[in-house]
Amino acid sequence: MESFSHLLNRVTSAKYKGELSVLGILVANKKSVLASG
């Protein structure tokens, strides 16, 4: 059970990091659009 929760934590943290990076890309795109426009 402990190993399962550890695996789950790793998967959720990886997903969370992925969402954060996607959010960062979207914010960067918005900033560049605002700067160019």
PDB file of N, CA and C in Angstrom:
ATOM      1  N   MET A   1       0.844  -1.195   0.000  1.00  0.00           N
ATOM      2  CA  MET A   1       0.000   0.000   0.000  1.00  0.00           C
ATOM      3  C   MET A   1       0.883   1.249   0.000  1.00  0.00           C
ATOM      4  N   GLU A   2       1.964   1.201   0.762  1.00  0.00           N
ATOM      5  CA  GLU A   2       2.861   2.350   0.846  1.00  0.00           C
ATOM      6  C   GLU A   2       3.488   2.644  -0.521  1.00  0.00           C
ATOM      7  N   SER A   3       3.870   1.577  -1.224  1.00  0.00           N
ATOM      8  CA  SER A   3       4.476   1.761  -2.540  1.00  0.00           C
ATOM      9  C   SER A   3       3.453   2.316  -3.533  1.00  0.00           C
ATOM     10  N   PHE A   4       2.194   1.911  -3.370  1.00  0.00           N
ATOM     11  CA  PHE A   4       1.142   2.391  -4.266  1.00  0.00           C
ATOM     12  C   PHE A   4       0.926   3.890  -4.069  1.00  0.00           C
ATOM     13  N   SER A   5       0.870   4.347  -2.824  1.00  0.00           N
ATOM     14  CA  SER A   5       0.677   5.776  -2.545  1.00  0.00           C
ATOM     15  C   SER A   5       1.890   6.566  -3.033  1.00  0.00           C
ATOM     16  N   HIS A   6       3.082   5.954  -2.915  1.00  0.00           N
ATOM     17  CA  HIS A   6       4.290   6.619  -3.401  1.00  0.00           C
ATOM     18  C   HIS A   6       4.221   6.783  -4.916  1.00  0.00           C
ATOM     19  N   LEU A   7       3.778   5.755  -5.594  1.00  0.00           N
ATOM     20  CA  LEU A   7       3.627   5.798  -7.053  1.00  0.00           C
ATOM     21  C   LEU A   7       2.575   6.841  -7.433  1.00  0.00           C
ATOM     22  N   LEU A   8       1.471   6.856  -6.696  1.00  0.00           N
ATOM     23  CA  LEU A   8       0.399   7.813  -6.955  1.00  0.00           C
ATOM     24  C   LEU A   8       0.904   9.242  -6.766  1.00  0.00           C
ATOM     25  N   ASN A   9       1.684   9.465  -5.721  1.00  0.00           N
ATOM     26  CA  ASN A   9       2.261  10.787  -5.477  1.00  0.00           C
ATOM     27  C   ASN A   9       3.153  11.202  -6.640  1.00  0.00           C
ATOM     28  N   ARG A  10       3.948  10.257  -7.144  1.00  0.00           N
ATOM     29  CA  ARG A  10       4.855  10.567  -8.248  1.00  0.00           C
ATOM     30  C   ARG A  10       4.065  10.935  -9.506  1.00  0.00           C
ATOM     31  N   VAL A  11       2.995  10.182  -9.777  1.00  0.00           N
ATOM     32  CA  VAL A  11       2.171  10.438 -10.962  1.00  0.00           C
ATOM     33  C   VAL A  11       1.463  11.788 -10.849  1.00  0.00           C
ATOM     34  N   THR A  12       0.885  12.058  -9.693  1.00  0.00           N
ATOM     35  CA  THR A  12       0.155  13.324  -9.519  1.00  0.00           C
ATOM     36  C   THR A  12       1.107  14.502  -9.551  1.00  0.00           C
ATOM     37  N   SER A  13       2.300  14.363  -8.977  1.00  0.00           N
ATOM     38  CA  SER A  13       3.256  15.469  -8.991  1.00  0.00           C
ATOM     39  C   SER A  13       3.760  15.705 -10.407  1.00  0.00           C
ATOM     40  N   ALA A  14       3.936  14.628 -11.179  1.00  0.00           N
ATOM     41  CA  ALA A  14       4.361  14.769 -12.571  1.00  0.00           C
ATOM     42  C   ALA A  14       3.271  15.464 -13.380  1.00  0.00           C
ATOM     43  N   LYS A  15       2.026  15.101 -13.137  1.00  0.00           N
ATOM     44  CA  LYS A  15       0.899  15.721 -13.831  1.00  0.00           C
ATOM     45  C   LYS A  15       0.802  17.193 -13.439  1.00  0.00           C
ATOM     46  N   TYR A  16       1.007  17.459 -12.141  1.00  0.00           N
ATOM     47  CA  TYR A  16       0.937  18.834 -11.643  1.00  0.00           C
ATOM     48  C   TYR A  16       2.028  19.688 -12.277  1.00  0.00           C
ATOM     49  N   LYS A  17       3.242  19.133 -12.361  1.00  0.00           N
ATOM     50  CA  LYS A  17       4.355  19.850 -12.991  1.00  0.00           C
ATOM     51  C   LYS A  17       4.060  20.095 -14.466  1.00  0.00           C
ATOM     52  N   GLY A  18       3.464  19.108 -15.116  1.00  0.00           N
ATOM     53  CA  GLY A  18       3.114  19.258 -16.526  1.00  0.00           C
ATOM     54  C   GLY A  18       2.103  20.372 -16.730  1.00  0.00           C
ATOM     55  N   GLU A  19       1.097  20.421 -15.844  1.00  0.00           N
ATOM     56  CA  GLU A  19       0.088  21.475 -15.948  1.00  0.00           C
ATOM     57  C   GLU A  19       0.711  22.836 -15.681  1.00  0.00           C
ATOM     58  N   LEU A  20       1.651  22.885 -14.743  1.00  0.00           N
ATOM     59  CA  LEU A  20       2.319  24.156 -14.439  1.00  0.00           C
ATOM     60  C   LEU A  20       3.126  24.632 -15.636  1.00  0.00           C
ATOM     61  N   SER A  21       3.826  23.712 -16.307  1.00  0.00           N
ATOM     62  CA  SER A  21       4.632  24.097 -17.461  1.00  0.00           C
ATOM     63  C   SER A  21       3.738  24.562 -18.605  1.00  0.00           C
ATOM     64  N   VAL A  22       2.596  23.901 -18.794  1.00  0.00           N
ATOM     65  CA  VAL A  22       1.646  24.315 -19.834  1.00  0.00           C
ATOM     66  C   VAL A  22       1.110  25.705 -19.508  1.00  0.00           C
ATOM     67  N   LEU A  23       0.801  25.920 -18.231  1.00  0.00           N
ATOM     68  CA  LEU A  23       0.302  27.228 -17.792  1.00  0.00           C
ATOM     69  C   LEU A  23       1.366  28.297 -18.027  1.00  0.00           C
ATOM     70  N   GLY A  24       2.619  27.969 -17.742  1.00  0.00           N
ATOM     71  CA  GLY A  24       3.718  28.906 -17.959  1.00  0.00           C
ATOM     72  C   GLY A  24       3.864  29.256 -19.431  1.00  0.00           C
ATOM     73  N   ILE A  25       3.704  28.266 -20.313  1.00  0.00           N
ATOM     74  CA  ILE A  25       3.792  28.502 -21.760  1.00  0.00           C
ATOM     75  C   ILE A  25       2.658  29.419 -22.201  1.00  0.00           C
ATOM     76  N   LEU A  26       1.449  29.179 -21.707  1.00  0.00           N
ATOM     77  CA  LEU A  26       0.303  30.017 -22.066  1.00  0.00           C
ATOM     78  C   LEU A  26       0.516  31.450 -21.603  1.00  0.00           C
ATOM     79  N   VAL A  27       1.015  31.627 -20.402  1.00  0.00           N
ATOM     80  CA  VAL A  27       1.271  32.970 -19.867  1.00  0.00           C
ATOM     81  C   VAL A  27       2.349  33.665 -20.698  1.00  0.00           C
ATOM     82  N   ALA A  28       3.394  32.931 -21.054  1.00  0.00           N
ATOM     83  CA  ALA A  28       4.468  33.507 -21.865  1.00  0.00           C
ATOM     84  C   ALA A  28       3.930  33.920 -23.230  1.00  0.00           C
ATOM     85  N   ASN A  29       3.070  33.094 -23.810  1.00  0.00           N
ATOM     86  CA  ASN A  29       2.471  33.430 -25.107  1.00  0.00           C
ATOM     87  C   ASN A  29       1.626  34.687 -25.009  1.00  0.00           C
ATOM     88  N   LYS A  30       0.836  34.794 -23.946  1.00  0.00           N
ATOM     89  CA  LYS A  30      -0.004  35.976 -23.752  1.00  0.00           C
ATOM     90  C   LYS A  30       0.849  37.230 -23.607  1.00  0.00           C
ATOM     91  N   LYS A  31       1.935  37.114 -22.844  1.00  0.00           N
ATOM     92  CA  LYS A  31       2.814  38.262 -22.635  1.00  0.00           C
ATOM     93  C   LYS A  31       3.455  38.690 -23.951  1.00  0.00           C
ATOM     94  N   SER A  32       3.899  37.724 -24.748  1.00  0.00           N
ATOM     95  CA  SER A  32       4.546  38.059 -26.025  1.00  0.00           C
ATOM     96  C   SER A  32       3.531  38.680 -26.991  1.00  0.00           C
ATOM     97  N   VAL A  33       2.281  38.192 -26.956  1.00  0.00           N
ATOM     98  CA  VAL A  33       1.230  38.753 -27.813  1.00  0.00           C
ATOM     99  C   VAL A  33       0.936  40.193 -27.392  1.00  0.00           C
ATOM    100  N   LEU A  34       0.848  40.412 -26.086  1.00  0.00           N
ATOM    101  CA  LEU A  34       0.590  41.766 -25.584  1.00  0.00           C
ATOM    102  C   LEU A  34       1.751  42.701 -25.924  1.00  0.00           C
ATOM    103  N   ALA A  35       2.964  42.184 -25.828  1.00  0.00           N
ATOM    104  CA  ALA A  35       4.138  43.005 -26.111  1.00  0.00           C
ATOM    105  C   ALA A  35       4.214  43.365 -27.598  1.00  0.00           C
ATOM    106  N   SER A  36       3.872  42.402 -28.463  1.00  0.00           N
ATOM    107  CA  SER A  36       3.955  42.651 -29.910  1.00  0.00           C
ATOM    108  C   SER A  36       2.769  43.475 -30.383  1.00  0.00           C
ATOM    109  N   GLY A  37       1.600  43.271 -29.754  1.00  0.00           N
ATOM    110  CA  GLY A  37       0.402  43.971 -30.182  1.00  0.00           C
ATOM    111  C   GLY A  37       0.283  45.312 -29.501  1.00  0.00           C
TER     112      GLY A  37
END
